Every structure is written in structure tokens, then in C-alpha cells.
Amino acid sequence: MNISKSALWLSVIDALLVLTASASGIFLKSIYARETPSWALQGIGQDIVNLVAVVVLCIATYFVNRGSVKAFLVWSGVLLYLLYAYIIYAFALHFNSLFLVYVAILGLSFYALVGSVIHLHMDDLQAAFSPTPARLVSVFFLVLGSAFFLLWLREDVSALVTGTIPPSVTQANVLTNPVHILDLGLFLPAMLLTARLLWKRKLLGYLLAGSLLVFSSLMGTAILAIFLVMNWNGIATSVGVEAFFALIIVMSLFLSVLSLREVK
């Protein structure tokens, strides 16, 4: 497959900026100085996994440049993860010295994805995908998407009915919960749509599924890292919730490997 060289270069620049931002967030106390202790620790946990994402992105970029469809699915999944993460950094952190870096990463991730999609030749990709794991991945997305819809709506609807502010908003001292906005408005509907497309064995479903499985693996790892960082700093978290995200990571990685093995 042929991907725009410009999109690949954008992802390389993106990786360098993420490396800078994440290292700064981990080692410089000034970056999260204006955040609540909980929100600051969540930023550090996310930064740790962002460094892992940079390594994966660089390796994937190399193989995408050599025409690998498998690498493209990983590459696009990492960019999707960075796009999601840096929307939160850009909109839900107090203004700091990395603000323009956050904005640049957000823009580079978006335009690298758009640039790659514009140059895709869908007809040439049809033969690369096997229907073998499609139904299994479809069920996984359906269950995962539905579960998080119910979890987030439970908190938000309860707050609307009682006229209060959701606990996740007050704890982070933000205007609204950016995770709920992105999930309910964009990513959970995309997950459910992908489940439907996969069930019908549509090519778009295969492309979206590969990216979303990588995204889910990285995001689950980031959330688990956040819990570990919070525990390390004396903030209690739920063992049950940690186990739930560990299960998501294992399932996402397993299905990612299973799906990528079937790509020709």
C-alpha cells in the first residue's frame, strides 16, 4: 500500500513533540503545578504510556513506508490514541509552557490521519483482510462500547437529575469531563459502528477495527498506568476497576495480534 510521505513525516515530527511533552510532564513539576493532585498524577501516568506510544509509532512508520498494511493499522491506531489524548491535554489542562506543543501534537495527529486516508485505495486493500476474527472482534466492540456508554451515562444522567456536578468533574477541577465528551460523542459510537460493519464483513469495518484495537490497547494501558501512579503517591483506587482495565488490555492485545496475523 502507498501512504503519503507527507503524512509519514508529520507522524515523525509528532513523535518528537510527544517525546518532548511527555518527558517534560514526568520530570518538570511546573507542568502540572496548577492541576489538582489527582489530575496531575493522571497526567504523569498518561505521559509514561505516551512514551511507549512514541516507540510504537516510530517502528510502525518505518514499516508503513515499506508498504505494510499491518503496520498501517498499528500506525493509525497510535495516531488515533495521540489525537484523543492531546485533545484532553489541550482543552482540559490549565495553561502551561507546553500549551502550543499540545496544540501542535493535536494538529499533526489529525492531519497525518487525514493525509493517509485521502490516499488510500480501498479496492486494493480488500484482498488483504481475512474474515476469520471479524465476528469475535465485533462482539468485543459491542460489549465494550455498550459497557462504557452505561458507565458514563450513569454518572452524567444522575448528576443532571439531581442538579449536581459529577464527581469526576469536581475532583479534577475542570469545566466538564473531557473523557465523557470524547467517548459519548465520538469514540463509543465509532466502536459500535465498527462492530456492525465487522459483523457484515465490510472493508471499512476491518480498517477501523485494526486502528481501534491498537487505540484500546494503548488507552487501557494508560488508564492502568494512571491508577498505578496514583497508588504509588498514596491515592487509593479500586482494585476491581484496575482488574477490569487489565482485562480490556489483554483482550485488546489478543484480538490485535489475532487480527494482524490474518492481514496479508
C-alpha atoms as a PDB file:
ATOM      1  CA  MET A   1       0.000   0.000   0.000  1.00  0.00           C
ATOM      2  CA  ASN A   2       1.092   3.553  -0.664  1.00  0.00           C
ATOM      3  CA  ILE A   3       0.795   6.183   2.063  1.00  0.00           C
ATOM      4  CA  SER A   4       1.557   9.861   1.567  1.00  0.00           C
ATOM      5  CA  LYS A   5       5.168  10.640   2.511  1.00  0.00           C
ATOM      6  CA  SER A   6       3.933  13.921   3.947  1.00  0.00           C
ATOM      7  CA  ALA A   7       1.652  12.043   6.362  1.00  0.00           C
ATOM      8  CA  LEU A   8       4.565   9.861   7.463  1.00  0.00           C
ATOM      9  CA  TRP A   9       6.792  12.885   8.063  1.00  0.00           C
ATOM     10  CA  LEU A  10       4.025  14.529  10.052  1.00  0.00           C
ATOM     11  CA  SER A  11       3.901  11.456  12.274  1.00  0.00           C
ATOM     12  CA  VAL A  12       7.693  11.599  12.796  1.00  0.00           C
ATOM     13  CA  ILE A  13       7.501  15.240  13.887  1.00  0.00           C
ATOM     14  CA  ASP A  14       4.519  14.277  16.010  1.00  0.00           C
ATOM     15  CA  ALA A  15       6.574  11.596  17.772  1.00  0.00           C
ATOM     16  CA  LEU A  16       9.372  14.058  18.576  1.00  0.00           C
ATOM     17  CA  LEU A  17       6.931  16.552  20.075  1.00  0.00           C
ATOM     18  CA  VAL A  18       5.192  13.848  22.130  1.00  0.00           C
ATOM     19  CA  LEU A  19       8.603  12.745  23.422  1.00  0.00           C
ATOM     20  CA  THR A  20       9.334  16.328  24.489  1.00  0.00           C
ATOM     21  CA  ALA A  21       5.928  16.911  26.079  1.00  0.00           C
ATOM     22  CA  SER A  22       5.813  13.585  27.931  1.00  0.00           C
ATOM     23  CA  ALA A  23       9.352  13.812  29.292  1.00  0.00           C
ATOM     24  CA  SER A  24       8.619  17.356  30.472  1.00  0.00           C
ATOM     25  CA  GLY A  25       5.397  16.265  32.159  1.00  0.00           C
ATOM     26  CA  ILE A  26       7.159  13.447  34.007  1.00  0.00           C
ATOM     27  CA  PHE A  27      10.260  15.331  35.148  1.00  0.00           C
ATOM     28  CA  LEU A  28       9.198  19.001  35.449  1.00  0.00           C
ATOM     29  CA  LYS A  29       6.906  19.777  38.387  1.00  0.00           C
ATOM     30  CA  SER A  30       5.932  23.118  36.852  1.00  0.00           C
ATOM     31  CA  ILE A  31       3.946  21.478  34.031  1.00  0.00           C
ATOM     32  CA  TYR A  32       1.082  20.267  36.233  1.00  0.00           C
ATOM     33  CA  ALA A  33       1.571  22.782  39.063  1.00  0.00           C
ATOM     34  CA  ARG A  34      -1.884  24.323  38.553  1.00  0.00           C
ATOM     35  CA  GLU A  35      -3.748  20.992  38.492  1.00  0.00           C
ATOM     36  CA  THR A  36      -5.359  19.154  41.394  1.00  0.00           C
ATOM     37  CA  PRO A  37      -3.140  16.357  42.809  1.00  0.00           C
ATOM     38  CA  SER A  38      -5.339  13.687  41.217  1.00  0.00           C
ATOM     39  CA  TRP A  39      -5.402  15.338  37.785  1.00  0.00           C
ATOM     40  CA  ALA A  40      -1.639  15.995  37.865  1.00  0.00           C
ATOM     41  CA  LEU A  41      -0.896  12.340  38.659  1.00  0.00           C
ATOM     42  CA  GLN A  42      -3.217  11.266  35.855  1.00  0.00           C
ATOM     43  CA  GLY A  43      -1.197  13.461  33.503  1.00  0.00           C
ATOM     44  CA  ILE A  44       2.046  11.802  34.585  1.00  0.00           C
ATOM     45  CA  GLY A  45       0.567   8.320  34.158  1.00  0.00           C
ATOM     46  CA  GLN A  46      -0.595   9.243  30.673  1.00  0.00           C
ATOM     47  CA  ASP A  47       2.830  10.686  29.849  1.00  0.00           C
ATOM     48  CA  ILE A  48       4.529   7.394  30.727  1.00  0.00           C
ATOM     49  CA  VAL A  49       2.390   5.473  28.233  1.00  0.00           C
ATOM     50  CA  ASN A  50       2.786   8.255  25.663  1.00  0.00           C
ATOM     51  CA  LEU A  51       6.499   7.424  25.602  1.00  0.00           C
ATOM     52  CA  VAL A  52       5.623   3.828  24.780  1.00  0.00           C
ATOM     53  CA  ALA A  53       3.296   5.093  22.042  1.00  0.00           C
ATOM     54  CA  VAL A  54       6.168   7.119  20.542  1.00  0.00           C
ATOM     55  CA  VAL A  55       8.310   3.991  20.198  1.00  0.00           C
ATOM     56  CA  VAL A  56       5.457   2.043  18.593  1.00  0.00           C
ATOM     57  CA  LEU A  57       4.693   4.962  16.255  1.00  0.00           C
ATOM     58  CA  CYS A  58       8.298   5.217  15.048  1.00  0.00           C
ATOM     59  CA  ILE A  59       8.569   1.474  14.383  1.00  0.00           C
ATOM     60  CA  ALA A  60       5.202   1.427  12.612  1.00  0.00           C
ATOM     61  CA  THR A  61       6.159   4.458  10.494  1.00  0.00           C
ATOM     62  CA  TYR A  62       9.240   2.618   9.221  1.00  0.00           C
ATOM     63  CA  PHE A  63       7.214  -0.390   8.089  1.00  0.00           C
ATOM     64  CA  VAL A  64       4.356   1.699   6.678  1.00  0.00           C
ATOM     65  CA  ASN A  65       6.945   3.400   4.500  1.00  0.00           C
ATOM     66  CA  ARG A  66       7.815  -0.071   3.188  1.00  0.00           C
ATOM     67  CA  GLY A  67       4.198  -0.742   2.263  1.00  0.00           C
ATOM     68  CA  SER A  68       2.991  -2.889   5.190  1.00  0.00           C
ATOM     69  CA  VAL A  69      -0.788  -2.961   5.682  1.00  0.00           C
ATOM     70  CA  LYS A  70      -0.332  -4.414   9.171  1.00  0.00           C
ATOM     71  CA  ALA A  71       1.967  -1.545  10.146  1.00  0.00           C
ATOM     72  CA  PHE A  72      -0.559   0.950   8.767  1.00  0.00           C
ATOM     73  CA  LEU A  73      -3.251  -0.351  11.118  1.00  0.00           C
ATOM     74  CA  VAL A  74      -0.885  -0.004  14.086  1.00  0.00           C
ATOM     75  CA  TRP A  75       0.330   3.417  12.901  1.00  0.00           C
ATOM     76  CA  SER A  76      -3.194   4.790  12.514  1.00  0.00           C
ATOM     77  CA  GLY A  77      -4.211   3.337  15.899  1.00  0.00           C
ATOM     78  CA  VAL A  78      -1.337   5.101  17.660  1.00  0.00           C
ATOM     79  CA  LEU A  79      -2.195   8.385  15.939  1.00  0.00           C
ATOM     80  CA  LEU A  80      -5.815   7.944  17.000  1.00  0.00           C
ATOM     81  CA  TYR A  81      -4.648   7.423  20.591  1.00  0.00           C
ATOM     82  CA  LEU A  82      -2.474  10.562  20.457  1.00  0.00           C
ATOM     83  CA  LEU A  83      -5.301  12.577  18.926  1.00  0.00           C
ATOM     84  CA  TYR A  84      -7.624  11.517  21.763  1.00  0.00           C
ATOM     85  CA  ALA A  85      -5.022  12.114  24.486  1.00  0.00           C
ATOM     86  CA  TYR A  86      -3.935  15.537  23.282  1.00  0.00           C
ATOM     87  CA  ILE A  87      -7.458  16.840  22.857  1.00  0.00           C
ATOM     88  CA  ILE A  88      -7.625  16.344  26.627  1.00  0.00           C
ATOM     89  CA  TYR A  89      -4.194  17.930  27.189  1.00  0.00           C
ATOM     90  CA  ALA A  90      -5.103  20.938  25.036  1.00  0.00           C
ATOM     91  CA  PHE A  91      -8.609  21.546  26.398  1.00  0.00           C
ATOM     92  CA  ALA A  92      -8.597  20.222  29.980  1.00  0.00           C
ATOM     93  CA  LEU A  93      -5.262  21.340  31.442  1.00  0.00           C
ATOM     94  CA  HIS A  94      -4.586  24.779  32.823  1.00  0.00           C
ATOM     95  CA  PHE A  95      -2.458  26.908  30.511  1.00  0.00           C
ATOM     96  CA  ASN A  96       1.213  25.951  30.841  1.00  0.00           C
ATOM     97  CA  SER A  97       4.507  26.238  28.983  1.00  0.00           C
ATOM     98  CA  LEU A  98       3.643  23.248  26.756  1.00  0.00           C
ATOM     99  CA  PHE A  99       0.314  24.598  25.510  1.00  0.00           C
ATOM    100  CA  LEU A 100       1.475  25.192  21.932  1.00  0.00           C
ATOM    101  CA  VAL A 101       3.189  21.795  21.898  1.00  0.00           C
ATOM    102  CA  TYR A 102      -0.120  20.151  22.870  1.00  0.00           C
ATOM    103  CA  VAL A 103      -1.884  22.034  20.100  1.00  0.00           C
ATOM    104  CA  ALA A 104       0.804  21.053  17.578  1.00  0.00           C
ATOM    105  CA  ILE A 105       0.569  17.361  18.513  1.00  0.00           C
ATOM    106  CA  LEU A 106      -3.208  17.526  18.201  1.00  0.00           C
ATOM    107  CA  GLY A 107      -2.963  19.065  14.741  1.00  0.00           C
ATOM    108  CA  LEU A 108      -0.184  16.795  13.480  1.00  0.00           C
ATOM    109  CA  SER A 109      -2.014  13.642  14.626  1.00  0.00           C
ATOM    110  CA  PHE A 110      -5.203  14.783  12.908  1.00  0.00           C
ATOM    111  CA  TYR A 111      -3.609  15.783   9.610  1.00  0.00           C
ATOM    112  CA  ALA A 112      -1.392  12.694   9.458  1.00  0.00           C
ATOM    113  CA  LEU A 113      -4.530  10.555   9.752  1.00  0.00           C
ATOM    114  CA  VAL A 114      -6.447  12.642   7.215  1.00  0.00           C
ATOM    115  CA  GLY A 115      -3.497  12.642   4.812  1.00  0.00           C
ATOM    116  CA  SER A 116      -3.252   8.867   4.961  1.00  0.00           C
ATOM    117  CA  VAL A 117      -6.992   8.325   4.451  1.00  0.00           C
ATOM    118  CA  ILE A 118      -7.096  10.619   1.412  1.00  0.00           C
ATOM    119  CA  HIS A 119      -4.511   8.476  -0.379  1.00  0.00           C
ATOM    120  CA  LEU A 120      -5.998   5.082   0.474  1.00  0.00           C
ATOM    121  CA  HIS A 121      -7.129   2.920  -2.434  1.00  0.00           C
ATOM    122  CA  MET A 122      -9.877   0.841  -0.856  1.00  0.00           C
ATOM    123  CA  ASP A 123     -10.210  -1.574  -3.784  1.00  0.00           C
ATOM    124  CA  ASP A 124      -6.569  -2.574  -3.427  1.00  0.00           C
ATOM    125  CA  LEU A 125      -6.992  -3.395   0.271  1.00  0.00           C
ATOM    126  CA  GLN A 126      -9.955  -5.769   0.054  1.00  0.00           C
ATOM    127  CA  ALA A 127      -7.788  -8.829  -0.567  1.00  0.00           C
ATOM    128  CA  ALA A 128      -5.559  -8.081   2.434  1.00  0.00           C
ATOM    129  CA  PHE A 129      -8.195  -8.845   5.063  1.00  0.00           C
ATOM    130  CA  SER A 130      -9.445 -12.213   6.262  1.00  0.00           C
ATOM    131  CA  PRO A 131     -12.957 -12.609   7.712  1.00  0.00           C
ATOM    132  CA  THR A 132     -11.748 -15.135  10.310  1.00  0.00           C
ATOM    133  CA  PRO A 133     -11.730 -12.989  13.520  1.00  0.00           C
ATOM    134  CA  ALA A 134     -14.371 -10.468  12.394  1.00  0.00           C
ATOM    135  CA  ARG A 135     -17.319 -11.715  14.455  1.00  0.00           C
ATOM    136  CA  LEU A 136     -15.226 -12.110  17.619  1.00  0.00           C
ATOM    137  CA  VAL A 137     -13.883  -8.559  17.357  1.00  0.00           C
ATOM    138  CA  SER A 138     -17.383  -7.321  16.548  1.00  0.00           C
ATOM    139  CA  VAL A 139     -18.771  -8.796  19.772  1.00  0.00           C
ATOM    140  CA  PHE A 140     -15.861  -7.347  21.771  1.00  0.00           C
ATOM    141  CA  PHE A 141     -16.540  -3.834  20.446  1.00  0.00           C
ATOM    142  CA  LEU A 142     -20.267  -4.199  21.046  1.00  0.00           C
ATOM    143  CA  VAL A 143     -19.780  -5.260  24.677  1.00  0.00           C
ATOM    144  CA  LEU A 144     -17.041  -2.717  25.401  1.00  0.00           C
ATOM    145  CA  GLY A 145     -18.850   0.192  23.754  1.00  0.00           C
ATOM    146  CA  SER A 146     -22.147  -0.597  25.474  1.00  0.00           C
ATOM    147  CA  ALA A 147     -20.470  -1.013  28.877  1.00  0.00           C
ATOM    148  CA  PHE A 148     -18.785   2.386  28.750  1.00  0.00           C
ATOM    149  CA  PHE A 149     -21.929   4.062  27.437  1.00  0.00           C
ATOM    150  CA  LEU A 150     -23.768   2.803  30.519  1.00  0.00           C
ATOM    151  CA  LEU A 151     -20.943   3.719  32.911  1.00  0.00           C
ATOM    152  CA  TRP A 152     -20.564   7.291  31.694  1.00  0.00           C
ATOM    153  CA  LEU A 153     -24.301   7.928  31.303  1.00  0.00           C
ATOM    154  CA  ARG A 154     -24.930   6.594  34.799  1.00  0.00           C
ATOM    155  CA  GLU A 155     -22.738   9.332  36.283  1.00  0.00           C
ATOM    156  CA  ASP A 156     -23.830  12.129  33.947  1.00  0.00           C
ATOM    157  CA  VAL A 157     -27.570  11.459  33.965  1.00  0.00           C
ATOM    158  CA  SER A 158     -27.563  11.058  37.752  1.00  0.00           C
ATOM    159  CA  ALA A 159     -25.896  14.464  38.110  1.00  0.00           C
ATOM    160  CA  LEU A 160     -28.371  16.061  35.695  1.00  0.00           C
ATOM    161  CA  VAL A 161     -31.365  14.621  37.559  1.00  0.00           C
ATOM    162  CA  THR A 162     -30.094  15.717  40.982  1.00  0.00           C
ATOM    163  CA  GLY A 163     -28.790  19.080  39.769  1.00  0.00           C
ATOM    164  CA  THR A 164     -25.252  18.373  40.969  1.00  0.00           C
ATOM    165  CA  ILE A 165     -21.811  18.233  39.336  1.00  0.00           C
ATOM    166  CA  PRO A 166     -20.374  14.784  38.524  1.00  0.00           C
ATOM    167  CA  PRO A 167     -17.646  13.696  40.992  1.00  0.00           C
ATOM    168  CA  SER A 168     -15.110  13.189  38.180  1.00  0.00           C
ATOM    169  CA  VAL A 169     -15.507  16.869  37.238  1.00  0.00           C
ATOM    170  CA  THR A 170     -15.087  18.241  40.774  1.00  0.00           C
ATOM    171  CA  GLN A 171     -12.109  16.001  41.556  1.00  0.00           C
ATOM    172  CA  ALA A 172     -10.196  17.222  38.502  1.00  0.00           C
ATOM    173  CA  ASN A 173     -11.367  20.857  38.847  1.00  0.00           C
ATOM    174  CA  VAL A 174     -12.344  21.054  35.178  1.00  0.00           C
ATOM    175  CA  LEU A 175     -15.402  22.541  33.488  1.00  0.00           C
ATOM    176  CA  THR A 176     -16.676  19.202  32.160  1.00  0.00           C
ATOM    177  CA  ASN A 177     -15.293  15.681  31.859  1.00  0.00           C
ATOM    178  CA  PRO A 178     -13.371  15.592  28.546  1.00  0.00           C
ATOM    179  CA  VAL A 179     -13.239  11.784  28.551  1.00  0.00           C
ATOM    180  CA  HIS A 180     -17.025  11.545  28.683  1.00  0.00           C
ATOM    181  CA  ILE A 181     -17.356  14.102  25.876  1.00  0.00           C
ATOM    182  CA  LEU A 182     -14.958  12.283  23.548  1.00  0.00           C
ATOM    183  CA  ASP A 183     -16.303   8.826  24.384  1.00  0.00           C
ATOM    184  CA  LEU A 184     -20.035   9.556  24.267  1.00  0.00           C
ATOM    185  CA  GLY A 185     -19.814  11.880  21.274  1.00  0.00           C
ATOM    186  CA  LEU A 186     -17.213  10.181  19.095  1.00  0.00           C
ATOM    187  CA  PHE A 187     -15.340   7.052  20.105  1.00  0.00           C
ATOM    188  CA  LEU A 188     -18.053   4.839  21.584  1.00  0.00           C
ATOM    189  CA  PRO A 189     -20.389   5.443  18.604  1.00  0.00           C
ATOM    190  CA  ALA A 190     -17.422   4.654  16.322  1.00  0.00           C
ATOM    191  CA  MET A 191     -16.844   1.436  18.244  1.00  0.00           C
ATOM    192  CA  LEU A 192     -20.464   0.358  17.889  1.00  0.00           C
ATOM    193  CA  LEU A 193     -20.492   1.309  14.193  1.00  0.00           C
ATOM    194  CA  THR A 194     -17.324  -0.728  13.671  1.00  0.00           C
ATOM    195  CA  ALA A 195     -18.962  -3.696  15.405  1.00  0.00           C
ATOM    196  CA  ARG A 196     -21.855  -3.502  12.944  1.00  0.00           C
ATOM    197  CA  LEU A 197     -19.564  -3.145   9.908  1.00  0.00           C
ATOM    198  CA  LEU A 198     -17.426  -6.056  11.044  1.00  0.00           C
ATOM    199  CA  TRP A 199     -20.471  -8.265  11.572  1.00  0.00           C
ATOM    200  CA  LYS A 200     -21.363  -7.580   7.948  1.00  0.00           C
ATOM    201  CA  ARG A 201     -17.706  -8.075   6.948  1.00  0.00           C
ATOM    202  CA  LYS A 202     -17.344  -4.649   5.349  1.00  0.00           C
ATOM    203  CA  LEU A 203     -13.861  -3.424   4.396  1.00  0.00           C
ATOM    204  CA  LEU A 204     -14.273  -0.179   6.355  1.00  0.00           C
ATOM    205  CA  GLY A 205     -15.022  -2.262   9.436  1.00  0.00           C
ATOM    206  CA  TYR A 206     -11.708  -4.122   9.097  1.00  0.00           C
ATOM    207  CA  LEU A 207      -9.766  -0.867   8.728  1.00  0.00           C
ATOM    208  CA  LEU A 208     -11.487   0.782  11.697  1.00  0.00           C
ATOM    209  CA  ALA A 209     -11.202  -2.351  13.835  1.00  0.00           C
ATOM    210  CA  GLY A 210      -7.429  -2.580  13.448  1.00  0.00           C
ATOM    211  CA  SER A 211      -6.959   1.039  14.500  1.00  0.00           C
ATOM    212  CA  LEU A 212      -9.466   0.854  17.351  1.00  0.00           C
ATOM    213  CA  LEU A 213      -7.892  -2.301  18.797  1.00  0.00           C
ATOM    214  CA  VAL A 214      -4.491  -0.577  18.947  1.00  0.00           C
ATOM    215  CA  PHE A 215      -6.166   2.526  20.392  1.00  0.00           C
ATOM    216  CA  SER A 216      -7.949   0.420  23.013  1.00  0.00           C
ATOM    217  CA  SER A 217      -4.711  -1.351  23.970  1.00  0.00           C
ATOM    218  CA  LEU A 218      -2.838   1.918  24.477  1.00  0.00           C
ATOM    219  CA  MET A 219      -5.676   3.727  26.217  1.00  0.00           C
ATOM    220  CA  GLY A 220      -6.312   0.818  28.585  1.00  0.00           C
ATOM    221  CA  THR A 221      -2.588   0.726  29.396  1.00  0.00           C
ATOM    222  CA  ALA A 222      -2.613   4.478  30.026  1.00  0.00           C
ATOM    223  CA  ILE A 223      -5.543   4.198  32.432  1.00  0.00           C
ATOM    224  CA  LEU A 224      -3.880   1.327  34.283  1.00  0.00           C
ATOM    225  CA  ALA A 225      -0.644   3.344  34.482  1.00  0.00           C
ATOM    226  CA  ILE A 226      -2.630   6.254  35.908  1.00  0.00           C
ATOM    227  CA  PHE A 227      -4.016   4.005  38.652  1.00  0.00           C
ATOM    228  CA  LEU A 228      -0.527   2.711  39.480  1.00  0.00           C
ATOM    229  CA  VAL A 229       0.924   6.236  39.679  1.00  0.00           C
ATOM    230  CA  MET A 230      -1.939   7.353  41.919  1.00  0.00           C
ATOM    231  CA  ASN A 231      -1.462   4.339  44.209  1.00  0.00           C
ATOM    232  CA  TRP A 232       2.264   4.985  44.351  1.00  0.00           C
ATOM    233  CA  ASN A 233       1.511   8.527  45.573  1.00  0.00           C
ATOM    234  CA  GLY A 234      -0.988   7.478  48.235  1.00  0.00           C
ATOM    235  CA  ILE A 235      -4.288   7.993  46.387  1.00  0.00           C
ATOM    236  CA  ALA A 236      -6.485   4.919  46.737  1.00  0.00           C
ATOM    237  CA  THR A 237      -8.038   3.344  43.636  1.00  0.00           C
ATOM    238  CA  SER A 238     -10.360   0.397  43.111  1.00  0.00           C
ATOM    239  CA  VAL A 239      -8.726  -2.998  42.610  1.00  0.00           C
ATOM    240  CA  GLY A 240     -11.847  -4.137  40.773  1.00  0.00           C
ATOM    241  CA  VAL A 241     -11.614  -1.255  38.306  1.00  0.00           C
ATOM    242  CA  GLU A 242      -7.913  -1.934  37.783  1.00  0.00           C
ATOM    243  CA  ALA A 243      -8.677  -5.589  37.066  1.00  0.00           C
ATOM    244  CA  PHE A 244     -11.389  -4.530  34.611  1.00  0.00           C
ATOM    245  CA  PHE A 245      -8.951  -2.381  32.622  1.00  0.00           C
ATOM    246  CA  ALA A 246      -6.296  -5.092  32.776  1.00  0.00           C
ATOM    247  CA  LEU A 247      -8.842  -7.423  31.161  1.00  0.00           C
ATOM    248  CA  ILE A 248      -9.553  -4.834  28.451  1.00  0.00           C
ATOM    249  CA  ILE A 249      -5.819  -4.546  27.734  1.00  0.00           C
ATOM    250  CA  VAL A 250      -5.380  -8.321  27.492  1.00  0.00           C
ATOM    251  CA  MET A 251      -8.413  -8.732  25.226  1.00  0.00           C
ATOM    252  CA  SER A 252      -7.427  -5.788  23.022  1.00  0.00           C
ATOM    253  CA  LEU A 253      -3.873  -7.061  22.613  1.00  0.00           C
ATOM    254  CA  PHE A 254      -5.033 -10.617  21.961  1.00  0.00           C
ATOM    255  CA  LEU A 255      -7.528  -9.510  19.314  1.00  0.00           C
ATOM    256  CA  SER A 256      -4.984  -7.101  17.818  1.00  0.00           C
ATOM    257  CA  VAL A 257      -2.465  -9.908  17.345  1.00  0.00           C
ATOM    258  CA  LEU A 258      -5.159 -12.273  16.076  1.00  0.00           C
ATOM    259  CA  SER A 259      -6.436  -9.713  13.576  1.00  0.00           C
ATOM    260  CA  LEU A 260      -3.000  -8.603  12.361  1.00  0.00           C
ATOM    261  CA  ARG A 261      -1.923 -12.206  11.818  1.00  0.00           C
ATOM    262  CA  GLU A 262      -4.781 -12.570   9.356  1.00  0.00           C
ATOM    263  CA  VAL A 263      -3.841  -9.474   7.354  1.00  0.00           C
ATOM    264  CA  LYS A 264      -1.965 -10.395   4.170  1.00  0.00           C
END
